[in-house]
Protein backbone atom coordinates (compact mmCIF):
# COMPACT_ATOMS: atom_id res chain seq x y z
CA UNK A 1 76.37 71.74 135.12
CA UNK A 2 75.16 71.46 131.52
CA UNK A 3 76.20 75.33 129.80
CA UNK A 4 75.14 76.09 126.66
CA UNK A 5 74.25 79.60 124.59
CA UNK A 6 71.13 80.41 122.60
CA UNK A 7 72.23 83.09 120.18
CA UNK A 8 69.38 85.10 118.02
CA UNK A 9 69.59 86.44 114.89
CA UNK A 10 69.46 89.81 115.89
CA UNK A 11 72.73 88.84 117.85
CA UNK A 12 71.62 88.52 120.91
CA UNK A 13 72.83 85.81 123.61
CA UNK A 14 71.96 84.22 126.62
CA UNK A 15 73.85 81.86 128.58
CA UNK A 16 72.57 78.58 130.83
CA UNK A 17 73.60 76.41 133.07
CA UNK A 18 71.28 73.05 133.78
CA UNK A 19 71.36 70.62 136.34
CA UNK A 20 69.92 67.16 135.09
CA UNK A 21 66.41 66.88 134.07
CA UNK A 22 64.21 67.41 131.30
CA UNK A 23 63.64 70.79 130.13
CA UNK A 24 61.55 72.16 127.27
CA UNK A 25 62.63 74.90 124.37
CA UNK A 26 60.34 76.55 122.42
CA UNK A 27 58.39 80.71 122.31
CA UNK A 28 55.65 79.13 124.32
CA UNK A 29 55.26 80.92 128.04
CA UNK A 30 55.03 77.41 129.86
CA UNK A 31 58.72 76.32 128.00
CA UNK A 32 61.31 75.99 130.19
CA UNK A 33 63.94 77.83 128.11
CA UNK A 34 62.21 80.27 125.85
CA UNK A 35 63.61 80.89 122.49
CA UNK A 36 63.11 83.95 119.95
CA UNK A 37 61.88 84.28 116.49
CA UNK A 38 58.93 83.57 114.29
CA UNK A 39 59.95 79.81 113.22
CA UNK A 40 60.06 78.66 116.58
CA UNK A 41 57.73 76.33 117.99
CA UNK A 42 55.67 77.01 121.29
CA UNK A 43 57.13 73.84 122.48
CA UNK A 44 59.75 73.39 119.62
CA UNK A 45 62.32 71.03 121.11
CA UNK A 46 63.27 68.95 124.33
CA UNK A 47 66.27 69.01 126.05
CA UNK A 48 66.83 65.41 128.13
CA UNK A 49 70.35 65.45 130.07
CA UNK A 50 70.81 61.57 132.28
CA UNK A 51 74.17 60.28 132.30
CA UNK A 52 72.97 58.09 130.16
CA UNK A 53 70.77 60.50 127.74
CA UNK A 54 71.92 63.41 127.04
CA UNK A 55 69.91 64.48 123.68
CA UNK A 56 67.79 67.10 121.91
CA UNK A 57 64.83 65.97 120.08
CA UNK A 58 62.10 68.15 118.18
CA UNK A 59 58.74 67.53 119.24
CA UNK A 60 56.32 67.01 116.45
CA UNK A 61 56.52 68.83 113.10
CA UNK A 62 59.24 70.75 114.97
CA UNK A 63 62.97 69.92 113.53
CA UNK A 64 66.31 70.09 114.50
CA UNK A 65 69.26 71.82 112.25
CA UNK A 66 72.39 70.09 112.36
CA UNK A 67 75.58 70.45 110.01
CA UNK A 68 73.28 71.19 106.97
CA UNK A 69 70.98 68.29 108.02
CA UNK A 70 67.38 68.58 109.18
CA UNK A 71 66.97 65.79 112.32
CA UNK A 72 64.32 64.84 114.51
CA UNK A 73 66.77 63.59 117.63
CA UNK A 74 70.67 64.82 118.03
CA UNK A 75 71.98 62.82 120.54
CA UNK A 76 75.34 62.95 123.08
CA UNK A 77 75.60 66.52 122.18
CA UNK A 78 79.56 67.03 123.15
CA UNK A 79 81.28 70.75 123.63
CA UNK A 80 81.06 72.78 121.05
CA UNK A 81 77.93 71.50 119.11
CA UNK A 82 75.57 73.77 116.80
CA UNK A 83 72.21 73.54 116.94
CA UNK A 84 69.30 75.31 114.40
CA UNK A 85 66.33 75.90 116.17
CA UNK A 86 64.09 77.87 114.21
CA UNK A 87 65.57 81.18 114.15
CA UNK A 88 67.61 80.88 117.16
CA UNK A 89 71.08 78.75 117.35
CA UNK A 90 71.55 76.46 120.39
CA UNK A 91 75.78 76.12 121.35
CA UNK A 92 76.89 73.99 123.91
CA UNK A 93 79.46 75.24 125.78
CA UNK A 94 79.94 72.81 128.81
CA UNK A 95 79.11 69.00 128.75
CA UNK A 96 80.26 66.94 132.06
CA UNK A 97 78.29 63.98 130.68
CA UNK A 98 79.65 63.74 127.47
CA UNK A 99 83.56 64.33 126.30
CA UNK A 100 84.10 65.47 123.08
CA UNK A 101 86.45 63.20 120.82
CA UNK A 102 89.22 65.41 119.35
CA UNK A 103 89.05 65.40 115.93
CA UNK A 104 91.53 63.29 113.87
CA UNK A 105 92.66 65.51 110.66
CA UNK A 106 94.87 63.97 107.67
CA UNK A 107 97.74 65.86 106.54
CA UNK A 108 96.84 66.95 103.13
CA UNK A 109 99.29 64.84 100.37
CA UNK A 110 99.06 63.31 96.93
CA UNK A 111 100.68 64.08 93.46
CA UNK A 112 99.73 67.85 94.58
CA UNK A 113 102.55 68.54 96.91
CA UNK A 114 105.34 65.71 97.32
CA UNK A 115 108.10 67.79 98.42
CA UNK A 116 109.36 66.66 102.18
CA UNK A 117 108.00 69.16 104.52
CA UNK A 118 106.63 68.85 107.92
CA UNK A 119 103.33 68.78 108.69
CA UNK A 120 101.48 70.38 111.60
CA UNK A 121 99.62 67.49 113.02
CA UNK A 122 95.91 68.14 114.66
CA UNK A 123 95.51 65.21 116.69
CA UNK A 124 97.55 66.22 119.41
CA UNK A 125 97.54 69.58 119.64
CA UNK A 126 94.83 71.09 122.19
CA UNK A 127 93.91 74.06 120.11
CA UNK A 128 92.20 71.35 118.15
CA UNK A 129 89.85 70.02 120.64
CA UNK A 130 86.06 70.48 120.83
CA UNK A 131 86.33 71.41 124.93
CA UNK A 132 89.01 74.41 123.83
CA UNK A 133 86.62 76.24 121.29
CA UNK A 134 83.97 75.33 123.76
CA UNK A 135 86.06 77.60 126.39
CA UNK A 136 87.16 79.95 123.78
CA UNK A 137 83.83 80.56 122.61
CA UNK A 138 82.65 81.23 126.00
CA UNK A 139 85.04 83.66 126.72
CA UNK A 140 84.52 85.49 123.54
CA UNK A 141 80.60 85.87 124.24
CA UNK A 142 80.79 87.15 127.43
CA UNK A 143 83.36 89.68 126.02
CA UNK A 144 80.35 90.66 123.68
CA UNK A 145 78.33 90.98 126.24
CA UNK A 146 80.88 93.28 128.73
CA UNK A 147 81.36 95.95 125.74
CA UNK A 148 78.11 95.27 124.57
CA UNK A 149 79.19 94.94 121.02
CA UNK A 150 75.89 93.14 119.65
CA UNK A 151 75.16 97.02 118.96
CA UNK A 152 78.48 99.14 118.49
CA UNK A 153 79.28 99.15 114.88
CA UNK A 154 83.20 99.97 115.45
CA UNK A 155 83.73 96.46 115.72
CA UNK A 156 83.76 96.44 112.17
CA UNK A 157 86.66 99.03 111.97
CA UNK A 158 89.93 97.59 111.64
CA UNK A 159 91.74 100.51 112.67
CA UNK A 160 90.26 100.83 116.31
CA UNK A 161 92.67 100.01 118.50
CA UNK A 162 91.44 101.88 120.81
CA UNK A 163 88.72 98.70 121.03
CA UNK A 164 91.29 96.17 121.24
CA UNK A 165 92.42 97.53 124.21
CA UNK A 166 89.12 97.76 126.03
CA UNK A 167 89.07 94.12 124.99
CA UNK A 168 91.70 92.59 126.44
CA UNK A 169 91.11 94.99 129.50
CA UNK A 170 86.96 93.09 129.51
CA UNK A 171 89.37 89.60 128.95
CA UNK A 172 91.33 89.78 132.08
CA UNK A 173 88.44 91.26 133.90
CA UNK A 174 86.11 88.13 133.16
CA UNK A 175 89.05 85.29 133.54
CA UNK A 176 90.12 87.13 137.10
CA UNK A 177 86.75 86.61 137.83
CA UNK A 178 85.83 82.89 136.02
CA UNK A 179 87.75 79.74 135.70
CA UNK A 180 88.61 79.02 132.30
CA UNK A 181 89.96 74.90 131.92
CA UNK A 182 92.61 74.84 129.37
CA UNK A 183 94.73 72.25 127.82
CA UNK A 184 98.51 71.51 129.21
CA UNK A 185 101.15 73.98 127.29
CA UNK A 186 98.18 77.23 126.97
CA UNK A 187 98.10 79.91 129.28
CA UNK A 188 95.77 82.14 130.10
CA UNK A 189 97.09 85.42 128.35
CA UNK A 190 97.84 83.26 125.07
CA UNK A 191 94.41 81.88 125.79
CA UNK A 192 92.86 86.06 126.03
CA UNK A 193 95.12 86.96 122.97
CA UNK A 194 93.59 84.32 120.47
CA UNK A 195 89.68 84.78 121.50
CA UNK A 196 90.48 88.60 121.47
CA UNK A 197 92.04 88.64 117.66
CA UNK A 198 89.08 86.45 116.71
CA UNK A 199 86.43 88.79 118.58
CA UNK A 200 87.20 91.91 117.06
CA UNK A 201 90.28 91.43 114.31
CA UNK A 202 91.24 88.94 112.15
CA UNK A 203 91.38 85.88 114.59
CA UNK A 204 93.89 82.48 113.25
CA UNK A 205 94.18 85.15 109.97
CA UNK A 206 96.13 87.44 111.75
CA UNK A 207 99.23 84.85 113.13
CA UNK A 208 98.89 83.14 109.03
CA UNK A 209 99.36 86.71 107.57
CA UNK A 210 102.50 87.28 109.77
CA UNK A 211 104.04 84.46 108.68
CA UNK A 212 106.94 84.76 105.98
CA UNK A 213 106.67 81.35 104.72
CA UNK A 214 102.95 81.51 104.32
CA UNK A 215 101.91 82.31 100.71
CA UNK A 216 97.91 81.64 100.45
CA UNK A 217 95.69 80.51 103.24
CA UNK A 218 92.53 78.95 102.55
CA UNK A 219 89.67 78.50 104.98
CA UNK A 220 87.06 76.06 103.94
CA UNK A 221 84.36 77.00 107.17
CA UNK A 222 85.28 77.55 110.42
CA UNK A 223 86.85 73.99 111.10
CA UNK A 224 89.19 73.53 107.85
CA UNK A 225 92.42 76.36 107.72
CA UNK A 226 94.04 75.31 104.94
CA UNK A 227 98.22 77.44 104.03
CA UNK A 228 100.31 77.08 101.27
CA UNK A 229 103.99 76.85 102.14
CA UNK A 230 107.03 76.44 99.82
CA UNK A 231 104.26 75.54 96.87
CA UNK A 232 102.95 73.02 99.31
CA UNK A 233 99.64 73.24 100.72
CA UNK A 234 99.06 71.81 104.33
CA UNK A 235 95.90 71.59 107.02
CA UNK A 236 96.91 73.96 109.50
CA UNK A 237 95.97 72.80 113.63
CA UNK A 238 93.49 76.35 113.77
CA UNK A 239 90.11 76.78 113.70
CA UNK A 240 87.19 79.37 114.33
CA UNK A 241 84.85 78.71 116.52
CA UNK A 242 82.26 79.03 114.99
CA UNK A 243 80.62 80.18 111.22
CA UNK A 244 79.70 83.21 113.05
CA UNK A 245 83.11 83.92 114.45
CA UNK A 246 84.75 83.53 110.59
CA UNK A 247 81.29 85.22 109.03
CA UNK A 248 82.56 88.42 111.53
CA UNK A 249 86.26 88.11 110.41
CA UNK A 250 84.73 88.20 106.54
CA UNK A 251 82.83 91.37 107.48
CA UNK A 252 85.69 92.99 108.78
CA UNK A 253 87.52 92.64 105.75
CA UNK A 254 85.12 94.27 103.28
CA UNK A 255 83.63 96.72 105.43
CA UNK A 256 86.27 99.60 105.88
CA UNK A 257 86.19 98.92 101.29
CA UNK A 258 82.65 99.87 100.87
CA UNK A 259 81.70 96.23 100.20
CA UNK A 260 79.22 94.05 101.78
CA UNK A 261 78.11 90.13 102.30
CA UNK A 262 75.25 88.78 102.80
CA UNK A 263 72.59 86.30 101.08
CA UNK A 264 71.88 88.96 98.64
CA UNK A 265 75.89 89.44 97.76
CA UNK A 266 76.96 86.08 98.46
CA UNK A 267 80.56 86.53 96.62
CA UNK A 268 82.99 89.35 97.31
CA UNK A 269 86.34 90.71 95.99
CA UNK A 270 88.63 92.42 98.15
CA UNK A 271 91.89 92.95 99.30
CA UNK A 272 93.59 93.93 102.54
CA UNK A 273 95.45 97.06 103.56
CA UNK A 274 98.95 95.08 102.75
CA UNK A 275 97.74 94.50 99.05
CA UNK A 276 96.96 90.89 99.70
CA UNK A 277 94.49 89.34 97.31
CA UNK A 278 90.98 88.24 99.19
CA UNK A 279 87.81 86.20 97.84
CA UNK A 280 84.84 85.42 99.87
CA UNK A 281 81.59 83.19 99.30
CA UNK A 282 79.42 82.20 101.82
CA UNK A 283 75.77 79.85 102.22
CA UNK A 284 73.56 79.98 100.29
CA UNK A 285 76.70 79.39 96.83
CA UNK A 286 78.97 77.39 99.15
CA UNK A 287 77.44 73.75 100.85
CA UNK A 288 80.66 74.13 103.72
CA UNK A 289 79.71 77.40 105.12
CA UNK A 290 81.62 80.31 104.72
CA UNK A 291 84.82 79.84 102.58
CA UNK A 292 87.93 82.30 102.68
CA UNK A 293 90.66 82.50 100.31
CA UNK A 294 93.95 85.14 100.82
CA UNK A 295 97.17 85.18 98.66
CA UNK A 296 99.22 87.22 100.43
CA UNK A 297 101.24 90.33 98.96
CA UNK A 298 105.07 89.36 99.21
CA UNK A 299 106.84 91.41 101.57
CA UNK A 300 109.87 91.63 99.12
CA UNK A 301 110.07 92.31 95.60
CA UNK A 302 111.45 89.76 93.56
CA UNK A 303 114.17 91.01 90.64
CA UNK A 304 115.09 88.89 87.85
CA UNK A 305 118.45 87.85 89.86
CA UNK A 306 116.07 86.79 92.79
CA UNK A 307 114.06 84.69 90.57
CA UNK A 308 117.35 83.20 88.90
CA UNK A 309 119.00 82.63 92.81
CA UNK A 310 115.01 80.90 93.34
CA UNK A 311 116.04 78.51 89.88
CA UNK A 312 113.02 80.33 88.38
CA UNK A 313 114.68 80.60 85.09
CA UNK A 314 118.25 80.40 83.63
CA UNK A 315 121.20 83.50 83.69
CA UNK A 316 120.69 83.48 79.58
CA UNK A 317 116.92 84.09 80.27
CA UNK A 318 117.02 87.03 82.88
CA UNK A 319 119.47 88.47 80.55
CA UNK A 320 117.38 88.01 77.11
CA UNK A 321 114.18 89.25 79.40
CA UNK A 322 116.22 92.54 80.61
CA UNK A 323 117.41 93.12 76.77
CA UNK A 324 113.17 92.79 75.61
CA UNK A 325 112.02 95.52 78.40
CA UNK A 326 114.86 97.68 77.87
CA UNK A 327 114.14 97.66 74.07
CA UNK A 328 110.19 97.89 74.45
CA UNK A 329 109.06 94.60 73.04
CA UNK A 330 105.55 93.57 73.49
CA UNK A 331 105.83 90.73 75.87
CA UNK A 332 102.73 88.62 77.62
CA UNK A 333 103.74 86.21 80.27
CA UNK A 334 101.50 83.44 80.37
CA UNK A 335 100.82 80.42 83.38
CA UNK A 336 98.26 79.12 85.67
CA UNK A 337 96.82 80.31 88.56
CA UNK A 338 99.86 80.47 91.07
CA UNK A 339 102.22 80.03 88.56
CA UNK A 340 104.26 83.09 89.29
CA UNK A 341 102.84 85.45 86.91
CA UNK A 342 102.82 88.93 88.14
CA UNK A 343 105.59 88.23 90.51
CA UNK A 344 107.66 87.71 86.96
CA UNK A 345 105.81 90.89 85.96
CA UNK A 346 106.92 92.91 88.72
CA UNK A 347 110.50 91.82 88.17
CA UNK A 348 110.12 92.87 84.42
CA UNK A 349 108.98 96.19 84.99
CA UNK A 350 112.06 97.06 87.20
CA UNK A 351 114.14 97.32 83.30
CA UNK A 352 111.44 100.18 82.22
CA UNK A 353 113.69 103.30 82.16
CA UNK A 354 113.24 105.76 84.72
CA UNK A 355 112.61 108.68 82.17
CA UNK A 356 109.48 107.03 81.21
CA UNK A 357 105.50 107.60 82.22
CA UNK A 358 103.74 104.16 82.79
CA UNK A 359 100.33 103.14 83.40
CA UNK A 360 99.58 100.15 85.27
CA UNK A 361 95.94 98.67 85.34
CA UNK A 362 94.68 96.34 87.75
CA UNK A 363 92.10 94.62 89.35
CA UNK A 364 93.62 94.83 92.74
CA UNK A 365 96.68 96.83 92.99
CA UNK A 366 99.92 94.43 93.39
CA UNK A 367 102.20 95.75 91.32
CA UNK A 368 104.98 97.60 93.17
CA UNK A 369 107.02 99.35 90.57
CA UNK A 370 110.61 101.03 91.45
CA UNK A 371 110.14 103.79 88.86
CA UNK A 372 109.21 107.31 89.88
CA UNK A 373 106.64 108.42 87.36
CA UNK A 374 104.04 105.90 87.75
CA UNK A 375 100.75 106.39 87.59
CA UNK A 376 98.47 103.42 88.59
CA UNK A 377 94.79 102.49 88.41
CA UNK A 378 92.64 99.84 89.54
CA UNK A 379 89.29 98.61 88.58
CA UNK A 380 86.18 98.83 90.27
CA UNK A 381 83.53 96.80 91.10
CA UNK A 382 79.46 97.63 91.54
CA UNK A 383 78.36 98.53 94.48
CA UNK A 384 75.16 97.57 96.58
CA UNK A 385 73.04 99.01 93.82
CA UNK A 386 74.92 97.21 91.47
CA UNK A 387 76.35 100.17 89.49
CA UNK A 388 79.13 102.24 89.09
CA UNK A 389 80.91 99.17 88.08
CA UNK A 390 84.72 101.25 86.37
CA UNK A 391 85.95 97.52 84.08
CA UNK A 392 89.59 96.57 83.29
CA UNK A 393 89.05 97.98 79.44
CA UNK A 394 87.28 101.07 80.39
CA UNK A 395 90.72 102.04 82.06
CA UNK A 396 92.90 100.82 79.17
CA UNK A 397 90.99 102.75 77.03
CA UNK A 398 91.64 105.75 79.61
CA UNK A 399 94.75 105.56 79.51
CA UNK A 400 95.49 105.70 76.01
CA UNK A 401 94.43 109.19 76.71
CA UNK A 402 96.53 109.76 79.56
CA UNK A 403 100.46 109.57 77.37
CA UNK A 404 101.75 106.65 78.60
CA UNK A 405 105.19 105.56 76.91
CA UNK A 406 104.08 101.99 78.33
CA UNK A 407 100.87 101.12 79.76
CA UNK A 408 101.13 97.62 82.23
CA UNK A 409 97.89 95.60 82.45
CA UNK A 410 97.86 93.08 85.01
CA UNK A 411 95.82 90.78 83.75
CA UNK A 412 93.61 90.46 80.56
CA UNK A 413 90.59 88.62 81.00
CA UNK A 414 88.19 89.78 78.62
CA UNK A 415 87.44 92.50 75.87
CA UNK A 416 90.77 94.67 76.94
CA UNK A 417 92.67 92.72 75.43
CA UNK A 418 91.37 94.29 72.40
CA UNK A 419 93.11 97.49 73.45
CA UNK A 420 95.42 96.13 74.44
CA UNK A 421 96.89 94.98 71.40
CA UNK A 422 96.18 98.23 69.99
CA UNK A 423 98.32 100.09 71.88
CA UNK A 424 100.87 97.66 71.41
CA UNK A 425 100.59 98.25 67.59
CA UNK A 426 99.76 101.80 67.64
CA UNK A 427 102.73 103.72 69.77
CA UNK A 428 102.81 101.84 72.82
CA UNK A 429 105.33 99.03 72.72
CA UNK A 430 107.19 97.54 75.38
CA UNK A 431 103.85 97.36 77.17
CA UNK A 432 103.48 94.19 79.69
CA UNK A 433 100.92 91.99 80.74
CA UNK A 434 100.08 88.43 81.80
CA UNK A 435 97.34 86.08 80.14
CA UNK A 436 96.04 82.47 81.91
CA UNK A 437 96.97 79.79 79.25
CA UNK A 438 98.91 76.66 79.65
CA UNK A 439 100.84 76.90 76.95
CA UNK A 440 102.41 79.96 74.59
CA UNK A 441 99.92 78.29 71.66
CA UNK A 442 97.21 78.14 73.60
CA UNK A 443 97.71 81.72 74.81
CA UNK A 444 97.20 82.82 71.34
CA UNK A 445 94.06 81.03 70.93
CA UNK A 446 93.24 82.81 74.77
CA UNK A 447 93.74 86.42 72.83
CA UNK A 448 91.51 85.50 69.99
CA UNK A 449 89.08 84.42 72.48
CA UNK A 450 89.20 87.62 74.51
CA UNK A 451 89.39 89.78 71.78
CA UNK A 452 85.92 88.41 70.68
CA UNK A 453 85.05 89.33 73.88
CA UNK A 454 85.12 92.82 73.18
CA UNK A 455 81.80 92.41 70.54
CA UNK A 456 83.59 93.06 67.83
CA UNK A 457 82.52 91.41 64.45
CA UNK A 458 85.99 90.51 63.54
CA UNK A 459 87.30 88.03 61.08
CA UNK A 460 89.29 85.10 62.95
CA UNK A 461 92.21 86.45 60.28
CA UNK A 462 92.54 90.00 61.33
CA UNK A 463 92.51 89.07 64.61
CA UNK A 464 95.18 86.68 64.18
CA UNK A 465 97.02 89.64 62.72
CA UNK A 466 96.51 91.56 65.41
CA UNK A 467 97.90 89.25 67.65
CA UNK A 468 100.98 88.70 65.44
CA UNK A 469 101.17 92.25 64.67
CA UNK A 470 101.78 92.93 68.52
CA UNK A 471 102.75 90.99 71.00
CA UNK A 472 106.86 89.75 70.52
CA UNK A 473 107.36 87.40 73.39
CA UNK A 474 105.40 84.95 75.61
CA UNK A 475 106.91 84.03 78.28
CA UNK A 476 105.56 80.52 79.78
CA UNK A 477 105.38 80.20 83.53
CA UNK A 478 104.36 77.29 85.48
CA UNK A 479 104.28 75.70 88.94
CA UNK A 480 105.50 71.99 89.51
CA UNK A 481 104.84 69.46 91.47
CA UNK A 482 107.51 70.07 94.12
CA UNK A 483 105.69 73.48 94.47
CA UNK A 484 108.39 75.88 92.67
CA UNK A 485 107.58 78.06 90.00
CA UNK A 486 109.38 77.81 86.78
CA UNK A 487 109.96 79.50 83.37
CA UNK A 488 109.18 76.37 80.96
CA UNK A 489 109.16 78.39 77.68
CA UNK A 490 110.11 81.53 75.84
CA UNK A 491 108.76 82.03 72.14
CA UNK A 492 108.65 85.00 69.72
CA UNK A 493 106.28 85.87 67.79
CA UNK A 494 107.57 85.88 64.21
CA UNK A 495 104.35 86.78 61.98
CA UNK A 496 101.83 84.55 60.02
CA UNK A 497 102.26 81.91 57.41
CA UNK A 498 98.44 81.68 56.02
CA UNK A 499 96.34 81.58 59.19
CA UNK A 500 98.73 80.69 61.73
CA UNK A 501 100.71 82.45 63.95
CA UNK A 502 104.21 81.20 63.79
CA UNK A 503 105.94 80.60 66.99
CA UNK A 504 109.86 80.71 67.24
CA UNK A 505 111.06 78.83 70.78
CA UNK A 506 113.49 80.41 71.97
CA UNK A 507 114.28 79.14 75.74
CA UNK A 508 112.65 75.65 78.07
CA UNK A 509 113.12 74.73 80.75
CA UNK A 510 113.78 70.35 79.91
CA UNK A 511 112.74 68.26 83.01
CA UNK A 512 114.95 65.11 83.52
CA UNK A 513 113.81 63.14 86.59
CA UNK A 514 111.70 63.65 90.01
CA UNK A 515 113.46 62.13 92.98
CA UNK A 516 112.23 60.32 95.60
CA UNK A 517 111.30 63.36 97.59
CA UNK A 518 108.84 64.85 94.99
CA UNK A 519 111.62 67.09 93.87
CA UNK A 520 111.69 67.94 89.91
CA UNK A 521 114.93 68.23 88.46
CA UNK A 522 116.23 69.44 84.68
CA UNK A 523 117.70 71.86 83.33
CA UNK A 524 117.22 75.71 81.39
CA UNK A 525 118.59 75.39 77.37
CA UNK A 526 118.49 77.89 74.99
CA UNK A 527 117.09 76.34 71.58
CA UNK A 528 119.66 77.53 69.59
CA UNK A 529 118.00 80.25 67.56
CA UNK A 530 118.67 83.61 68.17
CA UNK A 531 115.04 86.45 67.76
CA UNK A 532 114.86 87.86 64.15
CA UNK A 533 114.16 91.29 66.11
CA UNK A 534 118.20 90.86 66.50
CA UNK A 535 119.19 91.83 63.08
CA UNK A 536 116.91 94.88 63.43
CA UNK A 537 119.09 95.54 66.70
CA UNK A 538 122.61 95.51 65.28
CA UNK A 539 121.44 97.41 62.40
CA UNK A 540 120.80 99.85 64.90
CA UNK A 541 123.73 99.78 66.92
CA UNK A 542 123.21 97.87 70.48
CA UNK A 543 125.28 94.46 70.44
CA UNK A 544 123.41 91.31 71.06
CA UNK A 545 124.57 88.33 72.29
CA UNK A 546 123.74 85.41 70.30
CA UNK A 547 125.53 83.00 72.35
CA UNK A 548 122.62 83.17 74.95
CA UNK A 549 120.59 80.79 73.25
CA UNK A 550 123.25 77.86 72.73
CA UNK A 551 121.50 74.30 73.68
CA UNK A 552 122.49 72.99 76.62
CA UNK A 553 125.50 70.18 76.83
CA UNK A 554 123.28 67.90 77.93
CA UNK A 555 120.38 68.68 75.43
CA UNK A 556 123.04 68.11 72.58
CA UNK A 557 124.20 64.59 73.94
CA UNK A 558 120.46 63.65 73.61
CA UNK A 559 119.96 64.86 70.58
């Protein structure tokens, strides 16, 4: 029998089983299959089921919507195919007359990731087959009908363990009386667990969130799920059963936070309960279907020694940065997206004395400070009416009234840079922040632009004087082609000469080669110059180690 489901825009689902024959679909009384919706024609389409012809044809001006295209005819309706008929959607659940070919997926490779890491091969994995996805969709729809979840708002509650228990019980009941054709190697229990997770939980995202090796999850529509492992992007063998299932997962993430995502508000930033950062964008802005990106929150906090062990910096760099934090130097961590700026900021914050009052300000709370006297502030986006937004800049201004010893801003993106610089220059030394830039010199230009974004009509020279008088140290981070994050340079901001801000290079990473496995080799080195504030520290009775800045022997040989 040819099995398919008809879904309406209101969430109602009807499942049909048809033998060989010719069937009309539409909203007219004379149709074999009645379709809901005002945009559905009275006689919208004809479904032909024959051993040599399984097809769906639009009638007259009525068209079929398939993968973003408008068609007159769609042949070979393979299992898992979804076709739009006006406001209704036809989903093929089983087609004994045509067998769906398994999708061929090419692992991601290229210059962005040359490390030798094994990549799953979805071609041979039964979970990637359209027939298995169709079986999952059949059970999912049956669970929805059994529990009447189309009408229950509680499905949006991620903490509803009772709902999960109900869904598991319903799934076991359904599989006990209805046969499901599962691929070899997949048990009924595993099948049920996957379907229930996608029906009321986060679906494939749950297992990826639990995988400690996964640092980022990128879902490009229901059929393409990518992850980042050890700095390299790989395509997984997992997939959602439909766009609606993926949309449901996105809604279950944002609903507890008082956010919404729909055609009127098709973009949203949010975070999971563990602090993982979430971004979602849906049609009409996304042409590939719903897109979900999750940057996982690290379970274990890295300190400077852990970063040294991971090869992100040298012992000399770690000792110098620790000294800068303890002696209240203003530090800006610069780097591109995913270069490890927040991880380094977390590690630096460990060395703020416990007796000091710290105010942290972030878009989405990610910093985990170990000190006791910490006040965490988080920006708030606008509500559904477009009101109530509290940006980073207002929080920085408010923090100045909270008697802080240190201000830590997760990232400067706009006009808050002016307030941050003023705080650094007016009694709040030792403040920390991050910003996007590809080099220390580019960071200075970015800071100039961000200050001007505050709306103040200031001469460029005044802005540069403000930057030169506020920022002491710039730490440049980068993510290399082998996936590893490294500090590429540490520079001191040394005042101004005419209209140019002076930078003194203190440390650098010197790359020597890339091996056959794509691994980047090199060494960290001092550049022979101690920072200017060392003289002041020595006059104050503090011990300093100028040997930290000695050039690496290999670098001396190349000079």
